[in-house]
Protein backbone atom coordinates (compact mmCIF):
# COMPACT_ATOMS: atom_id res chain seq x y z
CA MET A 1 5.54 -19.68 8.78
CA ARG A 2 8.27 -17.12 7.92
CA LEU A 3 7.71 -15.48 4.56
CA SER A 4 9.49 -12.83 2.52
CA HIS A 5 7.69 -10.14 0.59
CA GLY A 6 8.55 -11.38 -2.87
CA PHE A 7 8.15 -8.36 -5.13
CA GLU A 8 9.70 -4.96 -5.59
CA PRO A 9 8.29 -1.54 -4.80
CA VAL A 10 6.77 0.51 -7.60
CA TYR A 11 8.14 4.05 -7.84
CA ASP A 12 10.20 6.40 -9.96
CA THR A 13 11.76 9.84 -9.64
CA SER A 14 8.32 11.47 -10.14
CA SER A 15 6.54 9.64 -7.31
CA ARG A 16 5.05 12.10 -4.81
CA ILE A 17 2.74 9.83 -2.81
CA LEU A 18 3.88 6.65 -1.08
CA ILE A 19 1.14 4.18 -0.17
CA LEU A 20 2.22 1.45 2.23
CA GLY A 21 0.32 -1.72 2.99
CA SER A 22 1.31 -4.21 5.65
CA PHE A 23 2.30 -7.46 3.88
CA PRO A 24 0.95 -9.16 0.74
CA SER A 25 -2.01 -11.50 1.10
CA VAL A 26 -1.80 -15.12 0.00
CA GLN A 27 -3.43 -14.23 -3.33
CA SER A 28 -1.15 -11.25 -3.84
CA ARG A 29 1.89 -13.45 -3.18
CA GLU A 30 0.54 -16.04 -5.65
CA ASN A 31 -0.14 -13.33 -8.26
CA GLY A 32 3.20 -11.63 -7.63
CA PHE A 33 1.73 -8.15 -7.17
CA TYR A 34 -0.02 -5.88 -4.73
CA TYR A 35 -3.70 -6.18 -3.82
CA GLY A 36 -4.27 -9.36 -5.78
CA HIS A 37 -7.39 -10.53 -3.95
CA PRO A 38 -10.33 -10.06 -6.34
CA ARG A 39 -12.45 -8.45 -3.61
CA ASN A 40 -9.79 -5.99 -2.46
CA ARG A 41 -11.00 -2.51 -3.37
CA PHE A 42 -7.55 -0.91 -3.77
CA TRP A 43 -7.40 -0.85 -7.58
CA PRO A 44 -11.07 0.06 -8.17
CA LEU A 45 -10.81 2.77 -5.50
CA LEU A 46 -7.69 4.41 -6.93
CA ALA A 47 -9.12 4.20 -10.45
CA ARG A 48 -12.32 5.84 -9.25
CA LEU A 49 -10.45 8.63 -7.47
CA CYS A 50 -8.39 9.25 -10.61
CA SER A 51 -11.40 8.98 -12.98
CA GLU A 52 -9.79 6.10 -14.86
CA ASP A 53 -10.68 2.53 -15.70
CA THR A 54 -9.47 -0.07 -13.21
CA PRO A 55 -6.15 -1.42 -14.48
CA GLY A 56 -6.09 -5.18 -15.01
CA SER A 57 -2.60 -6.47 -15.72
CA ILE A 58 0.44 -5.97 -13.53
CA ASP A 59 2.05 -3.83 -16.25
CA ASN A 60 -1.09 -1.67 -16.47
CA LYS A 61 -1.19 -1.30 -12.69
CA LYS A 62 2.46 -0.22 -12.60
CA ALA A 63 1.89 2.26 -15.45
CA PHE A 64 -1.20 3.64 -13.69
CA LEU A 65 0.73 4.21 -10.45
CA LEU A 66 3.70 5.86 -12.14
CA ARG A 67 1.47 8.04 -14.34
CA ARG A 68 -0.27 9.28 -11.21
CA GLY A 69 2.93 9.85 -9.16
CA ILE A 70 2.13 7.06 -6.73
CA ALA A 71 4.76 4.83 -5.16
CA LEU A 72 3.55 1.53 -3.70
CA TRP A 73 5.16 -0.87 -1.27
CA ASP A 74 4.54 -2.60 2.04
CA VAL A 75 5.96 -1.92 5.47
CA VAL A 76 7.04 -5.52 6.02
CA GLN A 77 9.84 -7.24 4.08
CA SER A 78 9.57 -10.52 5.97
CA CYS A 79 7.65 -11.86 8.93
CA GLU A 80 5.92 -14.80 10.53
CA ILE A 81 2.34 -14.83 9.25
CA THR A 82 -0.58 -17.24 9.14
CA GLY A 83 -2.34 -17.08 5.77
CA SER A 84 -3.30 -13.48 5.02
CA SER A 85 -4.10 -12.45 8.59
CA ASP A 86 -2.55 -9.10 9.49
CA ALA A 87 -3.34 -9.91 13.11
CA SER A 88 -0.92 -12.85 12.95
CA ILE A 89 2.10 -10.83 11.74
CA ARG A 90 5.07 -11.41 14.05
CA ASP A 91 8.87 -11.08 14.02
CA VAL A 92 8.88 -8.22 11.50
CA VAL A 93 11.78 -7.16 9.32
CA PRO A 94 10.74 -3.86 7.70
CA ASN A 95 11.31 -2.89 4.08
CA ASN A 96 13.96 -0.30 3.24
CA VAL A 97 11.52 2.57 2.72
CA PRO A 98 14.31 5.16 2.97
CA GLN A 99 15.55 3.91 -0.45
CA ILE A 100 12.36 5.32 -1.99
CA LEU A 101 12.56 8.54 0.00
CA ALA A 102 16.15 9.05 -1.18
CA SER A 103 15.25 8.88 -4.87
CA ALA A 104 11.67 10.16 -5.15
CA PRO A 105 10.19 13.51 -4.07
CA ILE A 106 7.62 11.90 -1.73
CA GLU A 107 5.33 14.57 -0.28
CA ARG A 108 3.00 12.29 1.67
CA ILE A 109 3.03 8.78 3.09
CA LEU A 110 -0.31 6.99 3.36
CA THR A 111 -0.89 3.70 5.13
CA ASN A 112 -3.59 1.35 3.88
CA GLY A 113 -5.22 0.25 7.13
CA ARG A 114 -4.54 0.29 10.83
CA THR A 115 -2.07 -2.62 10.82
CA ALA A 116 0.09 -0.98 8.15
CA ASP A 117 -0.04 2.26 10.12
CA ASN A 118 0.90 0.61 13.43
CA LEU A 119 3.78 -1.25 11.78
CA TYR A 120 4.96 1.92 10.03
CA ARG A 121 4.92 3.87 13.28
CA ARG A 122 6.76 1.11 15.15
CA PHE A 123 9.46 0.24 12.60
CA LEU A 124 9.81 3.03 10.04
CA LEU A 125 8.72 6.37 11.52
CA PRO A 126 11.82 6.43 13.76
CA VAL A 127 13.94 5.95 10.63
CA THR A 128 12.11 8.24 8.19
CA GLY A 129 10.92 10.95 10.58
CA ILE A 130 7.90 11.42 8.28
CA ASP A 131 4.44 11.02 9.73
CA ALA A 132 1.94 8.94 7.77
CA VAL A 133 -1.77 9.40 7.19
CA CYS A 134 -3.70 6.28 8.19
CA LEU A 135 -6.52 5.47 5.77
CA PRO A 136 -9.17 2.76 6.14
CA SER A 137 -8.12 -0.56 4.68
CA THR A 138 -9.29 -1.54 1.22
CA SER A 139 -9.17 -5.21 2.27
CA PRO A 140 -12.31 -7.31 1.89
CA ALA A 141 -11.90 -8.04 5.63
CA ASN A 142 -12.88 -4.39 6.20
CA ALA A 143 -16.39 -5.10 4.93
CA ALA A 144 -18.00 -2.36 7.02
CA TRP A 145 -16.44 0.18 4.66
CA THR A 146 -18.20 0.37 1.31
CA ILE A 147 -16.32 1.70 -1.70
CA ASP A 148 -18.25 4.97 -1.30
CA ARG A 149 -17.11 5.33 2.31
CA LEU A 150 -13.54 4.46 1.31
CA ALA A 151 -13.64 7.07 -1.46
CA ASP A 152 -14.87 9.70 1.01
CA ALA A 153 -12.03 8.85 3.41
CA TRP A 154 -9.25 8.54 0.82
CA THR A 155 -10.13 11.61 -1.28
CA PRO A 156 -8.85 14.32 1.11
CA ALA A 157 -5.49 12.55 1.49
CA LEU A 158 -4.99 12.33 -2.26
CA ARG A 159 -6.89 15.32 -3.68
CA GLU A 160 -4.18 17.91 -4.24
CA LEU A 161 -1.54 15.35 -5.14
CA LEU A 162 -3.29 13.43 -7.95
């Protein structure tokens, strides 16, 4: 089934880090915001790395990101996808990431998981010319990575920028 992303990027003119996922999960699409699956560790992980409480509402999540200089979006604007399976993503139309780069002083691009990184490298790196740092996915499908292991992997990529 062909689906469109459905929600806007989060960023402002102070955003220095851009975190890119692949495409929203079914629950994220239903909730209308990023990392909406209750077992996804994205929000608890970022809160932990920033020594803050995990934001709950969409407005609180947006405020958290902007306060910390983090821009958030996905590589894919539309695609063929089955459920939430990144492995099933086909016929990709990428998001217009250069619009963020043109208006925010992004110092580093991070990809949340191997699929996001592969898609970024295929569709957006030739356009942006900016290499990305691939981080382990916060998805519950990446169950081999505990939140402690994720924190150890994500900390060096974020340390001097948060």
